[in-house]
Amino acid sequence: MSHLLDPPCLRDDASYVAALDELEDLMLADPGTPGGRRFDELVVLIEEYEARRDGYDLARMRRALAGNG
């Protein structure tokens, strides 16, 4: 059972697809606006879901992309 203070996450393919659709609608949102902050939040949720679904180490990939891995 989820708790109000639990961090949000995408739990299934339906919520993943809904997040992708919402992300597409926010593509032109300006940074620092509510839409821009929601865009950033969705990107993180989608990345985390894809990492769990596809079985890759997201932290390791981020380090590699930053040149630290």
N, C-alpha and C. Protein backbone atom coordinates (compact mmCIF):
# COMPACT_ATOMS: atom_id res chain seq x y z
N MET A 1 0.84 -1.18 0.00
CA MET A 1 0.00 0.00 0.00
C MET A 1 0.89 1.24 0.00
N SER A 2 0.61 2.15 -0.89
CA SER A 2 1.44 3.36 -0.97
C SER A 2 1.01 4.36 0.09
N HIS A 3 1.93 5.18 0.45
CA HIS A 3 1.72 6.21 1.47
C HIS A 3 1.85 7.57 0.80
N LEU A 4 1.18 8.55 1.34
CA LEU A 4 1.19 9.90 0.78
C LEU A 4 2.60 10.45 0.60
N LEU A 5 3.51 10.11 1.51
CA LEU A 5 4.86 10.64 1.45
C LEU A 5 5.82 9.78 0.63
N ASP A 6 5.35 8.64 0.13
CA ASP A 6 6.19 7.82 -0.73
C ASP A 6 6.49 8.58 -2.02
N PRO A 7 7.72 8.46 -2.54
CA PRO A 7 8.00 9.11 -3.82
C PRO A 7 7.15 8.49 -4.93
N PRO A 8 6.74 9.30 -5.88
CA PRO A 8 5.92 8.75 -6.97
C PRO A 8 6.75 7.82 -7.85
N CYS A 9 6.10 6.85 -8.44
CA CYS A 9 6.76 5.99 -9.42
C CYS A 9 5.71 5.46 -10.38
N LEU A 10 6.16 5.06 -11.54
CA LEU A 10 5.27 4.45 -12.52
C LEU A 10 5.23 2.96 -12.21
N ARG A 11 4.04 2.43 -12.00
CA ARG A 11 3.91 1.06 -11.52
C ARG A 11 3.60 0.04 -12.62
N ASP A 12 3.13 0.51 -13.78
CA ASP A 12 2.76 -0.44 -14.83
C ASP A 12 2.84 0.24 -16.19
N ASP A 13 2.63 -0.57 -17.23
CA ASP A 13 2.72 -0.04 -18.60
C ASP A 13 1.70 1.05 -18.86
N ALA A 14 0.52 0.96 -18.27
CA ALA A 14 -0.52 1.98 -18.49
C ALA A 14 -0.07 3.33 -17.95
N SER A 15 0.52 3.35 -16.74
CA SER A 15 0.98 4.62 -16.19
C SER A 15 2.20 5.13 -16.96
N TYR A 16 3.01 4.22 -17.48
CA TYR A 16 4.17 4.59 -18.31
C TYR A 16 3.71 5.28 -19.59
N VAL A 17 2.73 4.69 -20.27
CA VAL A 17 2.21 5.28 -21.51
C VAL A 17 1.56 6.63 -21.23
N ALA A 18 0.82 6.73 -20.12
CA ALA A 18 0.20 8.00 -19.75
C ALA A 18 1.27 9.06 -19.50
N ALA A 19 2.36 8.67 -18.84
CA ALA A 19 3.45 9.61 -18.58
C ALA A 19 4.12 10.06 -19.88
N LEU A 20 4.30 9.15 -20.82
CA LEU A 20 4.88 9.52 -22.12
C LEU A 20 3.97 10.50 -22.85
N ASP A 21 2.66 10.26 -22.80
CA ASP A 21 1.71 11.17 -23.44
C ASP A 21 1.75 12.56 -22.80
N GLU A 22 1.79 12.59 -21.47
CA GLU A 22 1.85 13.88 -20.78
C GLU A 22 3.17 14.59 -21.08
N LEU A 23 4.26 13.83 -21.13
CA LEU A 23 5.56 14.40 -21.44
C LEU A 23 5.55 15.06 -22.82
N GLU A 24 4.93 14.39 -23.78
CA GLU A 24 4.84 14.95 -25.13
C GLU A 24 4.10 16.29 -25.12
N ASP A 25 3.05 16.38 -24.31
CA ASP A 25 2.29 17.63 -24.23
C ASP A 25 3.11 18.75 -23.60
N LEU A 26 4.12 18.41 -22.79
CA LEU A 26 4.91 19.40 -22.07
C LEU A 26 6.24 19.72 -22.76
N MET A 27 6.47 19.21 -23.94
CA MET A 27 7.77 19.36 -24.60
C MET A 27 8.21 20.83 -24.75
N LEU A 28 7.28 21.74 -24.90
CA LEU A 28 7.64 23.14 -25.10
C LEU A 28 7.51 23.98 -23.84
N ALA A 29 7.33 23.33 -22.70
CA ALA A 29 7.21 24.06 -21.43
C ALA A 29 8.53 24.74 -21.09
N ASP A 30 8.44 25.95 -20.59
CA ASP A 30 9.63 26.69 -20.19
C ASP A 30 10.18 26.17 -18.87
N PRO A 31 11.51 26.07 -18.74
CA PRO A 31 12.10 25.66 -17.47
C PRO A 31 11.69 26.62 -16.36
N GLY A 32 11.52 26.09 -15.17
CA GLY A 32 11.18 26.93 -14.03
C GLY A 32 9.70 27.23 -13.87
N THR A 33 8.91 26.84 -14.86
CA THR A 33 7.46 27.00 -14.76
C THR A 33 6.87 25.70 -14.21
N PRO A 34 5.62 25.72 -13.77
CA PRO A 34 5.03 24.46 -13.31
C PRO A 34 5.08 23.36 -14.38
N GLY A 35 4.84 23.72 -15.64
CA GLY A 35 4.93 22.74 -16.71
C GLY A 35 6.34 22.22 -16.90
N GLY A 36 7.33 23.10 -16.78
CA GLY A 36 8.72 22.69 -16.91
C GLY A 36 9.16 21.78 -15.77
N ARG A 37 8.69 22.09 -14.56
CA ARG A 37 9.02 21.22 -13.42
C ARG A 37 8.35 19.86 -13.56
N ARG A 38 7.12 19.84 -14.06
CA ARG A 38 6.43 18.57 -14.28
C ARG A 38 7.15 17.76 -15.35
N PHE A 39 7.62 18.42 -16.40
CA PHE A 39 8.39 17.76 -17.46
C PHE A 39 9.61 17.07 -16.85
N ASP A 40 10.37 17.80 -16.02
CA ASP A 40 11.56 17.23 -15.38
C ASP A 40 11.21 16.03 -14.51
N GLU A 41 10.11 16.14 -13.77
CA GLU A 41 9.66 15.04 -12.91
C GLU A 41 9.30 13.81 -13.74
N LEU A 42 8.60 14.03 -14.83
CA LEU A 42 8.21 12.91 -15.69
C LEU A 42 9.42 12.22 -16.31
N VAL A 43 10.42 12.99 -16.71
CA VAL A 43 11.63 12.40 -17.29
C VAL A 43 12.27 11.43 -16.31
N VAL A 44 12.37 11.84 -15.05
CA VAL A 44 12.97 10.99 -14.03
C VAL A 44 12.13 9.73 -13.82
N LEU A 45 10.81 9.90 -13.71
CA LEU A 45 9.93 8.75 -13.52
C LEU A 45 10.03 7.76 -14.67
N ILE A 46 10.06 8.28 -15.89
CA ILE A 46 10.14 7.43 -17.08
C ILE A 46 11.49 6.70 -17.12
N GLU A 47 12.58 7.42 -16.85
CA GLU A 47 13.90 6.77 -16.83
C GLU A 47 13.95 5.65 -15.80
N GLU A 48 13.41 5.91 -14.61
CA GLU A 48 13.43 4.90 -13.55
C GLU A 48 12.58 3.69 -13.93
N TYR A 49 11.43 3.92 -14.53
CA TYR A 49 10.57 2.81 -14.94
C TYR A 49 11.27 1.97 -16.01
N GLU A 50 11.86 2.64 -17.00
CA GLU A 50 12.55 1.91 -18.06
C GLU A 50 13.73 1.11 -17.52
N ALA A 51 14.42 1.67 -16.54
CA ALA A 51 15.55 0.94 -15.93
C ALA A 51 15.05 -0.32 -15.23
N ARG A 52 13.96 -0.20 -14.47
CA ARG A 52 13.40 -1.38 -13.79
C ARG A 52 12.88 -2.39 -14.81
N ARG A 53 12.16 -1.92 -15.80
CA ARG A 53 11.55 -2.80 -16.80
C ARG A 53 12.60 -3.52 -17.64
N ASP A 54 13.63 -2.79 -18.04
CA ASP A 54 14.62 -3.35 -18.95
C ASP A 54 15.84 -3.92 -18.25
N GLY A 55 15.92 -3.75 -16.93
CA GLY A 55 16.97 -4.36 -16.14
C GLY A 55 18.35 -3.75 -16.30
N TYR A 56 18.42 -2.44 -16.45
CA TYR A 56 19.75 -1.84 -16.50
C TYR A 56 19.98 -0.93 -15.30
N ASP A 57 21.25 -0.65 -15.03
CA ASP A 57 21.67 0.13 -13.88
C ASP A 57 21.69 1.61 -14.26
N LEU A 58 20.65 2.33 -13.86
CA LEU A 58 20.50 3.73 -14.24
C LEU A 58 21.63 4.60 -13.68
N ALA A 59 22.02 4.37 -12.44
CA ALA A 59 23.09 5.16 -11.83
C ALA A 59 24.40 4.97 -12.60
N ARG A 60 24.68 3.73 -12.98
CA ARG A 60 25.91 3.44 -13.75
C ARG A 60 25.88 4.14 -15.11
N MET A 61 24.72 4.12 -15.76
CA MET A 61 24.60 4.78 -17.06
C MET A 61 24.80 6.29 -16.93
N ARG A 62 24.23 6.88 -15.88
CA ARG A 62 24.41 8.32 -15.68
C ARG A 62 25.87 8.67 -15.45
N ARG A 63 26.58 7.85 -14.65
CA ARG A 63 28.00 8.08 -14.42
C ARG A 63 28.79 7.98 -15.73
N ALA A 64 28.45 6.98 -16.54
CA ALA A 64 29.16 6.80 -17.81
C ALA A 64 28.93 8.00 -18.73
N LEU A 65 27.70 8.49 -18.77
CA LEU A 65 27.41 9.64 -19.62
C LEU A 65 28.09 10.92 -19.13
N ALA A 66 28.31 10.98 -17.82
CA ALA A 66 28.99 12.15 -17.24
C ALA A 66 30.50 12.02 -17.35
N GLY A 67 30.99 10.87 -17.82
CA GLY A 67 32.42 10.66 -17.95
C GLY A 67 33.08 10.15 -16.70
N ASN A 68 32.27 9.67 -15.75
CA ASN A 68 32.81 9.19 -14.48
C ASN A 68 32.66 7.68 -14.33
N GLY A 69 32.35 7.00 -15.40
CA GLY A 69 32.03 5.61 -15.22
C GLY A 69 32.90 4.65 -15.86
